[in-house]
Amino acid sequence: MRAVPVAVDVNGQTDYTYSAASTPRAIAQQAGASVAPTDYVTAQPTQNFLQSGAIGQQVIIDSGIPINLNLYGTNLPIFVHASTVSELIAAENIHLFPGDKLTPVYKLSYIPQ
């Protein structure tokens, strides 16, 4: 397979390169982008090459928000895509038991963007 032009967009910053990789994650890694397992990596054809400056595929990387989760006294630095605490708990498959303390409040708090 020959290398084709691609635009790699990491959280709004676009780099242009050539890649012969076949998956969006492999293209991003080959382009030198740091890709975490929790990142959302998608590929799509360029919609408007005059506006975007890319004529090939566009790879979009949506990195998670870094947070420090303290779970039963253990600090866990993680990256999340949740916007509320309840979404975070569901996404990380955390089960709350009677007597567990949750700070900030479960339903009202938003994770800072």
C-alpha atoms as a PDB file:
ATOM      1  CA  MET A   1       0.000   0.000   0.000  1.00  0.00           C
ATOM      2  CA  ARG A   2       1.248   3.464  -0.830  1.00  0.00           C
ATOM      3  CA  ALA A   3       1.366   6.343   1.580  1.00  0.00           C
ATOM      4  CA  VAL A   4      -1.524   8.758   1.239  1.00  0.00           C
ATOM      5  CA  PRO A   5      -1.904  12.293   2.578  1.00  0.00           C
ATOM      6  CA  VAL A   6      -3.666  12.511   5.933  1.00  0.00           C
ATOM      7  CA  ALA A   7      -4.538  15.254   8.366  1.00  0.00           C
ATOM      8  CA  VAL A   8      -4.160  14.244  12.006  1.00  0.00           C
ATOM      9  CA  ASP A   9      -6.245  16.402  14.344  1.00  0.00           C
ATOM     10  CA  VAL A  10      -5.305  16.092  18.030  1.00  0.00           C
ATOM     11  CA  ASN A  11      -7.740  18.066  20.183  1.00  0.00           C
ATOM     12  CA  GLY A  12      -8.060  20.809  17.554  1.00  0.00           C
ATOM     13  CA  GLN A  13      -4.398  20.998  16.458  1.00  0.00           C
ATOM     14  CA  THR A  14      -3.897  19.635  12.942  1.00  0.00           C
ATOM     15  CA  ASP A  15      -0.712  18.154  11.481  1.00  0.00           C
ATOM     16  CA  TYR A  16      -0.372  17.031   7.879  1.00  0.00           C
ATOM     17  CA  THR A  17       1.596  13.952   6.879  1.00  0.00           C
ATOM     18  CA  TYR A  18       1.640  10.871   4.663  1.00  0.00           C
ATOM     19  CA  SER A  19       0.798   7.411   5.962  1.00  0.00           C
ATOM     20  CA  ALA A  20       0.435   3.885   4.627  1.00  0.00           C
ATOM     21  CA  ALA A  21      -1.125   2.588   7.853  1.00  0.00           C
ATOM     22  CA  SER A  22      -4.578   1.050   7.589  1.00  0.00           C
ATOM     23  CA  THR A  23      -6.265   1.907  10.907  1.00  0.00           C
ATOM     24  CA  PRO A  24      -6.903   5.379  12.343  1.00  0.00           C
ATOM     25  CA  ARG A  25      -4.955   4.567  15.525  1.00  0.00           C
ATOM     26  CA  ALA A  26      -1.973   3.280  13.503  1.00  0.00           C
ATOM     27  CA  ILE A  27      -2.042   6.373  11.271  1.00  0.00           C
ATOM     28  CA  ALA A  28      -1.997   8.645  14.329  1.00  0.00           C
ATOM     29  CA  GLN A  29       0.880   6.729  15.913  1.00  0.00           C
ATOM     30  CA  GLN A  30       2.844   6.699  12.645  1.00  0.00           C
ATOM     31  CA  ALA A  31       2.333  10.477  12.417  1.00  0.00           C
ATOM     32  CA  GLY A  32       3.942  10.826  15.848  1.00  0.00           C
ATOM     33  CA  ALA A  33       0.794  11.632  17.814  1.00  0.00           C
ATOM     34  CA  SER A  34       0.665  10.352  21.359  1.00  0.00           C
ATOM     35  CA  VAL A  35      -2.380   8.080  21.507  1.00  0.00           C
ATOM     36  CA  ALA A  36      -3.607   6.687  24.826  1.00  0.00           C
ATOM     37  CA  PRO A  37      -5.820   3.596  25.015  1.00  0.00           C
ATOM     38  CA  THR A  38      -8.677   5.768  26.303  1.00  0.00           C
ATOM     39  CA  ASP A  39      -8.512   8.245  23.386  1.00  0.00           C
ATOM     40  CA  TYR A  40     -11.288   8.221  20.817  1.00  0.00           C
ATOM     41  CA  VAL A  41      -9.637   7.875  17.403  1.00  0.00           C
ATOM     42  CA  THR A  42     -11.786   8.144  14.287  1.00  0.00           C
ATOM     43  CA  ALA A  43     -11.143   8.571  10.577  1.00  0.00           C
ATOM     44  CA  GLN A  44     -13.252  10.237   7.954  1.00  0.00           C
ATOM     45  CA  PRO A  45     -12.729  11.472   4.428  1.00  0.00           C
ATOM     46  CA  THR A  46     -11.970  15.168   4.115  1.00  0.00           C
ATOM     47  CA  GLN A  47     -15.251  16.985   3.522  1.00  0.00           C
ATOM     48  CA  ASN A  48     -13.916  20.277   2.170  1.00  0.00           C
ATOM     49  CA  PHE A  49     -10.269  20.059   1.118  1.00  0.00           C
ATOM     50  CA  LEU A  50     -10.062  23.780   0.346  1.00  0.00           C
ATOM     51  CA  GLN A  51     -11.143  24.708   3.853  1.00  0.00           C
ATOM     52  CA  SER A  52      -9.220  21.989   5.745  1.00  0.00           C
ATOM     53  CA  GLY A  53      -6.106  21.957   3.587  1.00  0.00           C
ATOM     54  CA  ALA A  54      -6.109  18.153   3.457  1.00  0.00           C
ATOM     55  CA  ILE A  55      -6.902  16.060   0.397  1.00  0.00           C
ATOM     56  CA  GLY A  56      -6.878  12.594   1.949  1.00  0.00           C
ATOM     57  CA  GLN A  57      -8.201  11.087   5.090  1.00  0.00           C
ATOM     58  CA  GLN A  58      -8.686  13.045   8.281  1.00  0.00           C
ATOM     59  CA  VAL A  59      -7.877  11.284  11.570  1.00  0.00           C
ATOM     60  CA  ILE A  60      -9.425  12.888  14.632  1.00  0.00           C
ATOM     61  CA  ILE A  61      -8.114  12.156  18.133  1.00  0.00           C
ATOM     62  CA  ASP A  62     -10.299  13.148  21.076  1.00  0.00           C
ATOM     63  CA  SER A  63      -8.214  12.772  24.223  1.00  0.00           C
ATOM     64  CA  GLY A  64      -9.899  12.309  27.550  1.00  0.00           C
ATOM     65  CA  ILE A  65      -9.834  14.800  30.388  1.00  0.00           C
ATOM     66  CA  PRO A  66      -7.110  13.978  32.929  1.00  0.00           C
ATOM     67  CA  ILE A  67      -8.487  13.539  36.438  1.00  0.00           C
ATOM     68  CA  ASN A  68      -7.226  12.055  39.673  1.00  0.00           C
ATOM     69  CA  LEU A  69      -9.690   9.466  40.993  1.00  0.00           C
ATOM     70  CA  ASN A  70      -9.282   8.452  44.625  1.00  0.00           C
ATOM     71  CA  LEU A  71     -10.868   5.027  44.930  1.00  0.00           C
ATOM     72  CA  TYR A  72     -10.782   3.517  48.438  1.00  0.00           C
ATOM     73  CA  GLY A  73      -7.658   5.500  49.314  1.00  0.00           C
ATOM     74  CA  THR A  74      -5.784   4.718  46.096  1.00  0.00           C
ATOM     75  CA  ASN A  75      -5.087   7.630  43.733  1.00  0.00           C
ATOM     76  CA  LEU A  76      -5.700   6.654  40.117  1.00  0.00           C
ATOM     77  CA  PRO A  77      -4.745   9.191  37.424  1.00  0.00           C
ATOM     78  CA  ILE A  78      -7.128   8.457  34.538  1.00  0.00           C
ATOM     79  CA  PHE A  79      -8.424  10.096  31.373  1.00  0.00           C
ATOM     80  CA  VAL A  80     -12.185  10.298  30.948  1.00  0.00           C
ATOM     81  CA  HIS A  81     -14.691  11.459  28.362  1.00  0.00           C
ATOM     82  CA  ALA A  82     -17.475  11.926  30.907  1.00  0.00           C
ATOM     83  CA  SER A  83     -18.894  15.359  31.657  1.00  0.00           C
ATOM     84  CA  THR A  84     -20.609  14.466  34.931  1.00  0.00           C
ATOM     85  CA  VAL A  85     -19.635  12.400  37.933  1.00  0.00           C
ATOM     86  CA  SER A  86     -22.490   9.965  37.265  1.00  0.00           C
ATOM     87  CA  GLU A  87     -21.216   9.410  33.694  1.00  0.00           C
ATOM     88  CA  LEU A  88     -17.710   8.806  35.066  1.00  0.00           C
ATOM     89  CA  ILE A  89     -18.966   6.209  37.534  1.00  0.00           C
ATOM     90  CA  ALA A  90     -20.884   4.399  34.799  1.00  0.00           C
ATOM     91  CA  ALA A  91     -18.012   4.565  32.270  1.00  0.00           C
ATOM     92  CA  GLU A  92     -15.438   3.244  34.753  1.00  0.00           C
ATOM     93  CA  ASN A  93     -17.850   0.529  35.973  1.00  0.00           C
ATOM     94  CA  ILE A  94     -17.593   1.695  39.598  1.00  0.00           C
ATOM     95  CA  HIS A  95     -20.178   0.227  41.967  1.00  0.00           C
ATOM     96  CA  LEU A  96     -21.164   2.236  45.015  1.00  0.00           C
ATOM     97  CA  PHE A  97     -22.121   0.414  48.194  1.00  0.00           C
ATOM     98  CA  PRO A  98     -24.036   1.654  51.243  1.00  0.00           C
ATOM     99  CA  GLY A  99     -21.716   3.788  53.341  1.00  0.00           C
ATOM    100  CA  ASP A 100     -19.440   4.783  50.433  1.00  0.00           C
ATOM    101  CA  LYS A 101     -18.626   8.499  50.371  1.00  0.00           C
ATOM    102  CA  LEU A 102     -18.684  10.269  47.011  1.00  0.00           C
ATOM    103  CA  THR A 103     -17.209  13.735  46.577  1.00  0.00           C
ATOM    104  CA  PRO A 104     -18.279  15.749  44.577  1.00  0.00           C
ATOM    105  CA  VAL A 105     -21.990  14.990  44.675  1.00  0.00           C
ATOM    106  CA  TYR A 106     -23.107  12.198  42.327  1.00  0.00           C
ATOM    107  CA  LYS A 107     -25.802  13.878  40.234  1.00  0.00           C
ATOM    108  CA  LEU A 108     -24.936  17.568  40.284  1.00  0.00           C
ATOM    109  CA  SER A 109     -21.218  17.901  39.753  1.00  0.00           C
ATOM    110  CA  TYR A 110     -19.597  18.385  36.393  1.00  0.00           C
ATOM    111  CA  ILE A 111     -16.065  17.399  35.573  1.00  0.00           C
ATOM    112  CA  PRO A 112     -14.133  20.533  34.503  1.00  0.00           C
ATOM    113  CA  GLN A 113     -13.448  20.719  30.767  1.00  0.00           C
END
